């Protein structure tokens, strides 16, 4: 069971890191929507950092949760138009 948790956690880490690289802020950053996009990016990046910290501490459950939450911020932002993201592939559900 631990091997499955480790594999899934590492897979979600990679998904979040790749999604962060792919997401581009869509609205101008000096607008309320642009500011919201930047805040979503900051949350996703923070969850990536938190997840990496938890993983280093051998806290795989919280690492998986952090990586999942981080990706959720990006995916939700993409759905409401805060980010330009790839429409094909596995990174986003838009």
PDB file of N, CA and C in Angstrom:
ATOM      1  N   UNK A   1       0.822  -1.191   0.000  1.00  0.00           N
ATOM      2  CA  UNK A   1       0.000   0.000   0.000  1.00  0.00           C
ATOM      3  C   UNK A   1       0.869   1.260   0.000  1.00  0.00           C
ATOM      4  N   UNK A   2       1.956   1.266   0.750  1.00  0.00           N
ATOM      5  CA  UNK A   2       2.825   2.437   0.795  1.00  0.00           C
ATOM      6  C   UNK A   2       3.423   2.727  -0.577  1.00  0.00           C
ATOM      7  N   UNK A   3       3.746   1.689  -1.323  1.00  0.00           N
ATOM      8  CA  UNK A   3       4.306   1.889  -2.660  1.00  0.00           C
ATOM      9  C   UNK A   3       3.307   2.587  -3.564  1.00  0.00           C
ATOM     10  N   UNK A   4       2.014   2.222  -3.458  1.00  0.00           N
ATOM     11  CA  UNK A   4       0.978   2.885  -4.240  1.00  0.00           C
ATOM     12  C   UNK A   4       0.860   4.354  -3.859  1.00  0.00           C
ATOM     13  N   UNK A   5       0.909   4.652  -2.570  1.00  0.00           N
ATOM     14  CA  UNK A   5       0.829   6.031  -2.102  1.00  0.00           C
ATOM     15  C   UNK A   5       2.020   6.838  -2.597  1.00  0.00           C
ATOM     16  N   UNK A   6       3.191   6.258  -2.554  1.00  0.00           N
ATOM     17  CA  UNK A   6       4.389   6.951  -3.022  1.00  0.00           C
ATOM     18  C   UNK A   6       4.308   7.221  -4.521  1.00  0.00           C
ATOM     19  N   UNK A   7       3.876   6.222  -5.282  1.00  0.00           N
ATOM     20  CA  UNK A   7       3.765   6.393  -6.737  1.00  0.00           C
ATOM     21  C   UNK A   7       2.749   7.474  -7.073  1.00  0.00           C
ATOM     22  N   UNK A   8       1.600   7.434  -6.436  1.00  0.00           N
ATOM     23  CA  UNK A   8       0.547   8.427  -6.708  1.00  0.00           C
ATOM     24  C   UNK A   8       0.998   9.821  -6.293  1.00  0.00           C
ATOM     25  N   UNK A   9       1.644   9.934  -5.158  1.00  0.00           N
ATOM     26  CA  UNK A   9       2.132  11.238  -4.690  1.00  0.00           C
ATOM     27  C   UNK A   9       3.147  11.808  -5.664  1.00  0.00           C
ATOM     28  N   UNK A  10       4.069  10.996  -6.106  1.00  0.00           N
ATOM     29  CA  UNK A  10       5.073  11.463  -7.066  1.00  0.00           C
ATOM     30  C   UNK A  10       4.427  11.845  -8.398  1.00  0.00           C
ATOM     31  N   UNK A  11       3.421  11.090  -8.806  1.00  0.00           N
ATOM     32  CA  UNK A  11       2.717  11.402 -10.060  1.00  0.00           C
ATOM     33  C   UNK A  11       1.982  12.739  -9.943  1.00  0.00           C
ATOM     34  N   UNK A  12       1.343  12.993  -8.810  1.00  0.00           N
ATOM     35  CA  UNK A  12       0.643  14.269  -8.618  1.00  0.00           C
ATOM     36  C   UNK A  12       1.628  15.424  -8.488  1.00  0.00           C
ATOM     37  N   UNK A  13       2.778  15.176  -7.906  1.00  0.00           N
ATOM     38  CA  UNK A  13       3.823  16.209  -7.870  1.00  0.00           C
ATOM     39  C   UNK A  13       4.189  16.612  -9.289  1.00  0.00           C
ATOM     40  N   UNK A  14       4.466  15.626 -10.117  1.00  0.00           N
ATOM     41  CA  UNK A  14       4.873  15.902 -11.496  1.00  0.00           C
ATOM     42  C   UNK A  14       3.762  16.598 -12.277  1.00  0.00           C
ATOM     43  N   UNK A  15       2.519  16.188 -12.048  1.00  0.00           N
ATOM     44  CA  UNK A  15       1.383  16.818 -12.712  1.00  0.00           C
ATOM     45  C   UNK A  15       1.288  18.293 -12.339  1.00  0.00           C
ATOM     46  N   UNK A  16       1.411  18.602 -11.062  1.00  0.00           N
ATOM     47  CA  UNK A  16       1.337  19.993 -10.613  1.00  0.00           C
ATOM     48  C   UNK A  16       2.503  20.798 -11.158  1.00  0.00           C
ATOM     49  N   UNK A  17       3.700  20.262 -11.101  1.00  0.00           N
ATOM     50  CA  UNK A  17       4.867  20.992 -11.607  1.00  0.00           C
ATOM     51  C   UNK A  17       4.723  21.269 -13.101  1.00  0.00           C
ATOM     52  N   UNK A  18       4.258  20.286 -13.855  1.00  0.00           N
ATOM     53  CA  UNK A  18       4.080  20.472 -15.295  1.00  0.00           C
ATOM     54  C   UNK A  18       2.957  21.462 -15.593  1.00  0.00           C
ATOM     55  N   UNK A  19       1.882  21.390 -14.828  1.00  0.00           N
ATOM     56  CA  UNK A  19       0.767  22.316 -15.018  1.00  0.00           C
ATOM     57  C   UNK A  19       1.185  23.753 -14.699  1.00  0.00           C
ATOM     58  N   UNK A  20       1.990  23.935 -13.677  1.00  0.00           N
ATOM     59  CA  UNK A  20       2.495  25.275 -13.360  1.00  0.00           C
ATOM     60  C   UNK A  20       3.323  25.832 -14.514  1.00  0.00           C
ATOM     61  N   UNK A  21       4.125  24.989 -15.125  1.00  0.00           N
ATOM     62  CA  UNK A  21       4.926  25.429 -16.270  1.00  0.00           C
ATOM     63  C   UNK A  21       4.055  25.783 -17.464  1.00  0.00           C
ATOM     64  N   UNK A  22       2.930  25.100 -17.618  1.00  0.00           N
ATOM     65  CA  UNK A  22       2.090  25.276 -18.805  1.00  0.00           C
ATOM     66  C   UNK A  22       1.096  26.431 -18.679  1.00  0.00           C
ATOM     67  N   UNK A  23       0.695  26.773 -17.468  1.00  0.00           N
ATOM     68  CA  UNK A  23      -0.343  27.790 -17.271  1.00  0.00           C
ATOM     69  C   UNK A  23       0.232  29.195 -17.472  1.00  0.00           C
ATOM     70  N   UNK A  24      -0.461  29.970 -18.280  1.00  0.00           N
ATOM     71  CA  UNK A  24      -0.078  31.361 -18.509  1.00  0.00           C
ATOM     72  C   UNK A  24      -1.245  32.258 -18.117  1.00  0.00           C
ATOM     73  N   UNK A  25      -0.943  33.317 -17.399  1.00  0.00           N
ATOM     74  CA  UNK A  25      -1.991  34.248 -16.978  1.00  0.00           C
ATOM     75  C   UNK A  25      -2.651  34.828 -18.223  1.00  0.00           C
ATOM     76  N   UNK A  26      -3.976  34.742 -18.279  1.00  0.00           N
ATOM     77  CA  UNK A  26      -4.718  35.215 -19.452  1.00  0.00           C
ATOM     78  C   UNK A  26      -5.038  36.714 -19.378  1.00  0.00           C
ATOM     79  N   UNK A  27      -5.628  37.204 -18.283  1.00  0.00           N
ATOM     80  CA  UNK A  27      -5.959  38.639 -18.248  1.00  0.00           C
ATOM     81  C   UNK A  27      -4.730  39.483 -17.925  1.00  0.00           C
ATOM     82  N   UNK A  28      -4.818  40.758 -18.215  1.00  0.00           N
ATOM     83  CA  UNK A  28      -3.727  41.659 -17.849  1.00  0.00           C
ATOM     84  C   UNK A  28      -3.577  41.640 -16.331  1.00  0.00           C
ATOM     85  N   UNK A  29      -2.337  41.617 -15.884  1.00  0.00           N
ATOM     86  CA  UNK A  29      -2.086  41.441 -14.450  1.00  0.00           C
ATOM     87  C   UNK A  29      -2.429  42.672 -13.621  1.00  0.00           C
ATOM     88  N   UNK A  30      -2.668  43.813 -14.260  1.00  0.00           N
ATOM     89  CA  UNK A  30      -3.029  45.016 -13.502  1.00  0.00           C
ATOM     90  C   UNK A  30      -4.546  45.201 -13.416  1.00  0.00           C
ATOM     91  N   UNK A  31      -5.288  44.113 -13.638  1.00  0.00           N
ATOM     92  CA  UNK A  31      -6.744  44.125 -13.508  1.00  0.00           C
ATOM     93  C   UNK A  31      -7.137  43.201 -12.360  1.00  0.00           C
ATOM     94  N   UNK A  32      -8.359  43.316 -11.853  1.00  0.00           N
ATOM     95  CA  UNK A  32      -8.781  42.395 -10.781  1.00  0.00           C
ATOM     96  C   UNK A  32      -8.680  40.921 -11.183  1.00  0.00           C
ATOM     97  N   UNK A  33      -9.031  40.597 -12.426  1.00  0.00           N
ATOM     98  CA  UNK A  33      -8.921  39.197 -12.861  1.00  0.00           C
ATOM     99  C   UNK A  33      -7.455  38.771 -12.957  1.00  0.00           C
ATOM    100  N   UNK A  34      -6.602  39.662 -13.408  1.00  0.00           N
ATOM    101  CA  UNK A  34      -5.180  39.361 -13.469  1.00  0.00           C
ATOM    102  C   UNK A  34      -4.594  39.152 -12.088  1.00  0.00           C
ATOM    103  N   UNK A  35      -5.025  39.982 -11.138  1.00  0.00           N
ATOM    104  CA  UNK A  35      -4.568  39.817  -9.757  1.00  0.00           C
ATOM    105  C   UNK A  35      -5.045  38.483  -9.188  1.00  0.00           C
ATOM    106  N   UNK A  36      -6.291  38.102  -9.525  1.00  0.00           N
ATOM    107  CA  UNK A  36      -6.810  36.813  -9.067  1.00  0.00           C
ATOM    108  C   UNK A  36      -5.988  35.664  -9.658  1.00  0.00           C
ATOM    109  N   UNK A  37      -5.616  35.791 -10.927  1.00  0.00           N
ATOM    110  CA  UNK A  37      -4.792  34.756 -11.557  1.00  0.00           C
ATOM    111  C   UNK A  37      -3.448  34.630 -10.849  1.00  0.00           C
ATOM    112  N   UNK A  38      -2.836  35.760 -10.545  1.00  0.00           N
ATOM    113  CA  UNK A  38      -1.547  35.725  -9.850  1.00  0.00           C
ATOM    114  C   UNK A  38      -1.682  35.097  -8.466  1.00  0.00           C
ATOM    115  N   UNK A  39      -2.788  35.368  -7.792  1.00  0.00           N
ATOM    116  CA  UNK A  39      -3.018  34.761  -6.481  1.00  0.00           C
ATOM    117  C   UNK A  39      -3.197  33.245  -6.604  1.00  0.00           C
ATOM    118  N   UNK A  40      -3.904  32.802  -7.638  1.00  0.00           N
ATOM    119  CA  UNK A  40      -4.064  31.361  -7.857  1.00  0.00           C
ATOM    120  C   UNK A  40      -2.719  30.699  -8.139  1.00  0.00           C
ATOM    121  N   UNK A  41      -1.897  31.352  -8.942  1.00  0.00           N
ATOM    122  CA  UNK A  41      -0.552  30.825  -9.199  1.00  0.00           C
ATOM    123  C   UNK A  41       0.253  30.727  -7.913  1.00  0.00           C
ATOM    124  N   UNK A  42       0.165  31.763  -7.099  1.00  0.00           N
ATOM    125  CA  UNK A  42       0.898  31.763  -5.830  1.00  0.00           C
ATOM    126  C   UNK A  42       0.435  30.613  -4.932  1.00  0.00           C
ATOM    127  N   UNK A  43      -0.884  30.376  -4.887  1.00  0.00           N
ATOM    128  CA  UNK A  43      -1.394  29.274  -4.075  1.00  0.00           C
ATOM    129  C   UNK A  43      -0.879  27.937  -4.602  1.00  0.00           C
ATOM    130  N   UNK A  44      -0.928  27.753  -5.917  1.00  0.00           N
ATOM    131  CA  UNK A  44      -0.462  26.490  -6.498  1.00  0.00           C
ATOM    132  C   UNK A  44       1.024  26.277  -6.226  1.00  0.00           C
ATOM    133  N   UNK A  45       1.815  27.327  -6.375  1.00  0.00           N
ATOM    134  CA  UNK A  45       3.255  27.222  -6.103  1.00  0.00           C
ATOM    135  C   UNK A  45       3.508  26.924  -4.633  1.00  0.00           C
ATOM    136  N   UNK A  46       2.731  27.540  -3.750  1.00  0.00           N
ATOM    137  CA  UNK A  46       2.885  27.284  -2.316  1.00  0.00           C
ATOM    138  C   UNK A  46       2.546  25.842  -1.970  1.00  0.00           C
ATOM    139  N   UNK A  47       1.476  25.323  -2.586  1.00  0.00           N
ATOM    140  CA  UNK A  47       1.125  23.925  -2.335  1.00  0.00           C
ATOM    141  C   UNK A  47       2.182  22.973  -2.888  1.00  0.00           C
ATOM    142  N   UNK A  48       2.803  23.337  -4.004  1.00  0.00           N
ATOM    143  CA  UNK A  48       3.902  22.513  -4.516  1.00  0.00           C
ATOM    144  C   UNK A  48       5.044  22.493  -3.502  1.00  0.00           C
ATOM    145  N   UNK A  49       5.417  23.663  -2.993  1.00  0.00           N
ATOM    146  CA  UNK A  49       6.478  23.734  -1.987  1.00  0.00           C
ATOM    147  C   UNK A  49       6.110  22.957  -0.725  1.00  0.00           C
ATOM    148  N   UNK A  50       4.868  23.129  -0.259  1.00  0.00           N
ATOM    149  CA  UNK A  50       4.423  22.423   0.940  1.00  0.00           C
ATOM    150  C   UNK A  50       4.478  20.911   0.725  1.00  0.00           C
ATOM    151  N   UNK A  51       3.986  20.467  -0.436  1.00  0.00           N
ATOM    152  CA  UNK A  51       4.000  19.042  -0.729  1.00  0.00           C
ATOM    153  C   UNK A  51       5.405  18.470  -0.751  1.00  0.00           C
ATOM    154  N   UNK A  52       6.328  19.224  -1.329  1.00  0.00           N
ATOM    155  CA  UNK A  52       7.722  18.766  -1.347  1.00  0.00           C
ATOM    156  C   UNK A  52       8.276  18.674   0.064  1.00  0.00           C
ATOM    157  N   UNK A  53       7.918  19.636   0.905  1.00  0.00           N
ATOM    158  CA  UNK A  53       8.356  19.596   2.307  1.00  0.00           C
ATOM    159  C   UNK A  53       7.775  18.364   3.009  1.00  0.00           C
ATOM    160  N   UNK A  54       6.475  18.145   2.848  1.00  0.00           N
ATOM    161  CA  UNK A  54       5.851  16.980   3.485  1.00  0.00           C
ATOM    162  C   UNK A  54       6.491  15.683   2.998  1.00  0.00           C
ATOM    163  N   UNK A  55       6.751  15.604   1.713  1.00  0.00           N
ATOM    164  CA  UNK A  55       7.360  14.390   1.150  1.00  0.00           C
ATOM    165  C   UNK A  55       8.744  14.162   1.751  1.00  0.00           C
ATOM    166  N   UNK A  56       9.519  15.232   1.887  1.00  0.00           N
ATOM    167  CA  UNK A  56      10.854  15.111   2.504  1.00  0.00           C
ATOM    168  C   UNK A  56      10.761  14.643   3.951  1.00  0.00           C
ATOM    169  N   UNK A  57       9.661  14.998   4.621  1.00  0.00           N
ATOM    170  CA  UNK A  57       9.455  14.598   6.013  1.00  0.00           C
ATOM    171  C   UNK A  57       8.806  13.217   6.121  1.00  0.00           C
ATOM    172  N   UNK A  58       8.664  12.542   4.977  1.00  0.00           N
ATOM    173  CA  UNK A  58       8.060  11.214   4.904  1.00  0.00           C
ATOM    174  C   UNK A  58       6.583  11.242   5.308  1.00  0.00           C
ATOM    175  N   UNK A  59       5.923  12.370   5.069  1.00  0.00           N
ATOM    176  CA  UNK A  59       4.494  12.546   5.329  1.00  0.00           C
ATOM    177  C   UNK A  59       3.777  12.509   3.979  1.00  0.00           C
ATOM    178  N   UNK A  60       3.605  11.297   3.470  1.00  0.00           N
ATOM    179  CA  UNK A  60       3.129  11.102   2.101  1.00  0.00           C
ATOM    180  C   UNK A  60       1.668  11.487   1.928  1.00  0.00           C
ATOM    181  N   UNK A  61       0.846  11.307   2.953  1.00  0.00           N
ATOM    182  CA  UNK A  61      -0.574  11.647   2.848  1.00  0.00           C
ATOM    183  C   UNK A  61      -0.744  13.151   2.682  1.00  0.00           C
ATOM    184  N   UNK A  62      -0.080  13.930   3.506  1.00  0.00           N
ATOM    185  CA  UNK A  62      -0.201  15.385   3.388  1.00  0.00           C
ATOM    186  C   UNK A  62       0.490  15.901   2.124  1.00  0.00           C
ATOM    187  N   UNK A  63       1.530  15.238   1.686  1.00  0.00           N
ATOM    188  CA  UNK A  63       2.170  15.629   0.427  1.00  0.00           C
ATOM    189  C   UNK A  63       1.199  15.447  -0.729  1.00  0.00           C
ATOM    190  N   UNK A  64       0.528  14.300  -0.773  1.00  0.00           N
ATOM    191  CA  UNK A  64      -0.447  14.058  -1.832  1.00  0.00           C
ATOM    192  C   UNK A  64      -1.570  15.084  -1.776  1.00  0.00           C
ATOM    193  N   UNK A  65      -2.047  15.383  -0.585  1.00  0.00           N
ATOM    194  CA  UNK A  65      -3.110  16.381  -0.442  1.00  0.00           C
ATOM    195  C   UNK A  65      -2.645  17.748  -0.949  1.00  0.00           C
ATOM    196  N   UNK A  66      -1.448  18.142  -0.595  1.00  0.00           N
ATOM    197  CA  UNK A  66      -0.936  19.443  -1.029  1.00  0.00           C
ATOM    198  C   UNK A  66      -0.803  19.506  -2.551  1.00  0.00           C
ATOM    199  N   UNK A  67      -0.259  18.468  -3.152  1.00  0.00           N
ATOM    200  CA  UNK A  67      -0.121  18.466  -4.609  1.00  0.00           C
ATOM    201  C   UNK A  67      -1.495  18.496  -5.278  1.00  0.00           C
ATOM    202  N   UNK A  68      -2.453  17.789  -4.715  1.00  0.00           N
ATOM    203  CA  UNK A  68      -3.806  17.768  -5.277  1.00  0.00           C
ATOM    204  C   UNK A  68      -4.470  19.135  -5.158  1.00  0.00           C
ATOM    205  N   UNK A  69      -4.353  19.761  -4.002  1.00  0.00           N
ATOM    206  CA  UNK A  69      -4.937  21.098  -3.812  1.00  0.00           C
ATOM    207  C   UNK A  69      -4.296  22.107  -4.753  1.00  0.00           C
ATOM    208  N   UNK A  70      -2.996  22.031  -4.899  1.00  0.00           N
ATOM    209  CA  UNK A  70      -2.311  22.955  -5.799  1.00  0.00           C
ATOM    210  C   UNK A  70      -2.810  22.842  -7.215  1.00  0.00           C
ATOM    211  N   UNK A  71      -2.980  21.611  -7.676  1.00  0.00           N
ATOM    212  CA  UNK A  71      -3.486  21.417  -9.029  1.00  0.00           C
ATOM    213  C   UNK A  71      -4.924  21.898  -9.148  1.00  0.00           C
ATOM    214  N   UNK A  72      -5.710  21.725  -8.111  1.00  0.00           N
ATOM    215  CA  UNK A  72      -7.103  22.178  -8.133  1.00  0.00           C
ATOM    216  C   UNK A  72      -7.181  23.696  -8.316  1.00  0.00           C
ATOM    217  N   UNK A  73      -6.286  24.452  -7.686  1.00  0.00           N
ATOM    218  CA  UNK A  73      -6.265  25.901  -7.871  1.00  0.00           C
ATOM    219  C   UNK A  73      -6.033  26.239  -9.343  1.00  0.00           C
ATOM    220  N   UNK A  74      -5.100  25.565  -9.966  1.00  0.00           N
ATOM    221  CA  UNK A  74      -4.811  25.837 -11.377  1.00  0.00           C
ATOM    222  C   UNK A  74      -5.955  25.405 -12.283  1.00  0.00           C
ATOM    223  N   UNK A  75      -6.485  24.237 -12.040  1.00  0.00           N
ATOM    224  CA  UNK A  75      -7.541  23.716 -12.891  1.00  0.00           C
ATOM    225  C   UNK A  75      -8.794  24.591 -12.796  1.00  0.00           C
ATOM    226  N   UNK A  76      -9.135  25.001 -11.591  1.00  0.00           N
ATOM    227  CA  UNK A  76     -10.289  25.889 -11.431  1.00  0.00           C
ATOM    228  C   UNK A  76     -10.036  27.226 -12.120  1.00  0.00           C
ATOM    229  N   UNK A  77      -8.838  27.765 -11.961  1.00  0.00           N
ATOM    230  CA  UNK A  77      -8.496  29.019 -12.628  1.00  0.00           C
ATOM    231  C   UNK A  77      -8.578  28.905 -14.137  1.00  0.00           C
ATOM    232  N   UNK A  78      -8.163  27.786 -14.672  1.00  0.00           N
ATOM    233  CA  UNK A  78      -8.245  27.574 -16.117  1.00  0.00           C
ATOM    234  C   UNK A  78      -9.703  27.518 -16.569  1.00  0.00           C
ATOM    235  N   UNK A  79     -10.540  26.887 -15.787  1.00  0.00           N
ATOM    236  CA  UNK A  79     -11.954  26.764 -16.145  1.00  0.00           C
ATOM    237  C   UNK A  79     -12.668  28.109 -16.166  1.00  0.00           C
ATOM    238  N   UNK A  80     -12.255  29.043 -15.329  1.00  0.00           N
ATOM    239  CA  UNK A  80     -12.933  30.346 -15.308  1.00  0.00           C
ATOM    240  C   UNK A  80     -12.195  31.399 -16.134  1.00  0.00           C
ATOM    241  N   UNK A  81     -11.184  30.985 -16.851  1.00  0.00           N
ATOM    242  CA  UNK A  81     -10.522  31.875 -17.796  1.00  0.00           C
ATOM    243  C   UNK A  81      -9.360  32.686 -17.261  1.00  0.00           C
ATOM    244  N   UNK A  82      -8.841  32.313 -16.089  1.00  0.00           N
ATOM    245  CA  UNK A  82      -7.694  33.039 -15.550  1.00  0.00           C
ATOM    246  C   UNK A  82      -6.395  32.646 -16.231  1.00  0.00           C
ATOM    247  N   UNK A  83      -6.367  31.437 -16.816  1.00  0.00           N
ATOM    248  CA  UNK A  83      -5.142  30.930 -17.428  1.00  0.00           C
ATOM    249  C   UNK A  83      -5.398  30.432 -18.843  1.00  0.00           C
ATOM    250  N   UNK A  84      -4.410  30.653 -19.674  1.00  0.00           N
ATOM    251  CA  UNK A  84      -4.346  29.976 -20.961  1.00  0.00           C
ATOM    252  C   UNK A  84      -3.591  28.680 -20.700  1.00  0.00           C
ATOM    253  N   UNK A  85      -4.218  27.566 -21.077  1.00  0.00           N
ATOM    254  CA  UNK A  85      -3.624  26.255 -20.817  1.00  0.00           C
ATOM    255  C   UNK A  85      -3.813  25.366 -22.045  1.00  0.00           C
ATOM    256  N   UNK A  86      -3.017  24.322 -22.157  1.00  0.00           N
ATOM    257  CA  UNK A  86      -3.226  23.371 -23.246  1.00  0.00           C
ATOM    258  C   UNK A  86      -4.603  22.715 -23.126  1.00  0.00           C
ATOM    259  N   UNK A  87      -5.307  22.649 -24.220  1.00  0.00           N
ATOM    260  CA  UNK A  87      -6.650  22.034 -24.228  1.00  0.00           C
ATOM    261  C   UNK A  87      -6.568  20.522 -24.419  1.00  0.00           C
ATOM    262  N   UNK A  88      -5.474  20.065 -24.970  1.00  0.00           N
ATOM    263  CA  UNK A  88      -5.276  18.626 -25.180  1.00  0.00           C
ATOM    264  C   UNK A  88      -4.327  18.109 -24.105  1.00  0.00           C
ATOM    265  N   UNK A  89      -4.406  16.841 -23.853  1.00  0.00           N
ATOM    266  CA  UNK A  89      -3.461  16.235 -22.920  1.00  0.00           C
ATOM    267  C   UNK A  89      -4.068  15.999 -21.550  1.00  0.00           C
ATOM    268  N   UNK A  90      -3.219  15.745 -20.595  1.00  0.00           N
ATOM    269  CA  UNK A  90      -3.613  15.289 -19.270  1.00  0.00           C
ATOM    270  C   UNK A  90      -3.542  16.346 -18.170  1.00  0.00           C
ATOM    271  N   UNK A  91      -3.121  17.555 -18.500  1.00  0.00           N
ATOM    272  CA  UNK A  91      -2.833  18.539 -17.452  1.00  0.00           C
ATOM    273  C   UNK A  91      -4.067  19.223 -16.879  1.00  0.00           C
ATOM    274  N   UNK A  92      -5.065  19.468 -17.714  1.00  0.00           N
ATOM    275  CA  UNK A  92      -6.227  20.237 -17.271  1.00  0.00           C
ATOM    276  C   UNK A  92      -7.506  19.589 -17.774  1.00  0.00           C
ATOM    277  N   UNK A  93      -8.628  19.906 -17.101  1.00  0.00           N
ATOM    278  CA  UNK A  93      -9.900  19.315 -17.461  1.00  0.00           C
ATOM    279  C   UNK A  93     -10.766  20.257 -18.290  1.00  0.00           C
ATOM    280  N   UNK A  94     -10.216  21.332 -18.781  1.00  0.00           N
ATOM    281  CA  UNK A  94     -11.010  22.280 -19.581  1.00  0.00           C
ATOM    282  C   UNK A  94     -11.300  21.732 -20.947  1.00  0.00           C
TER     283      UNK A  94
END
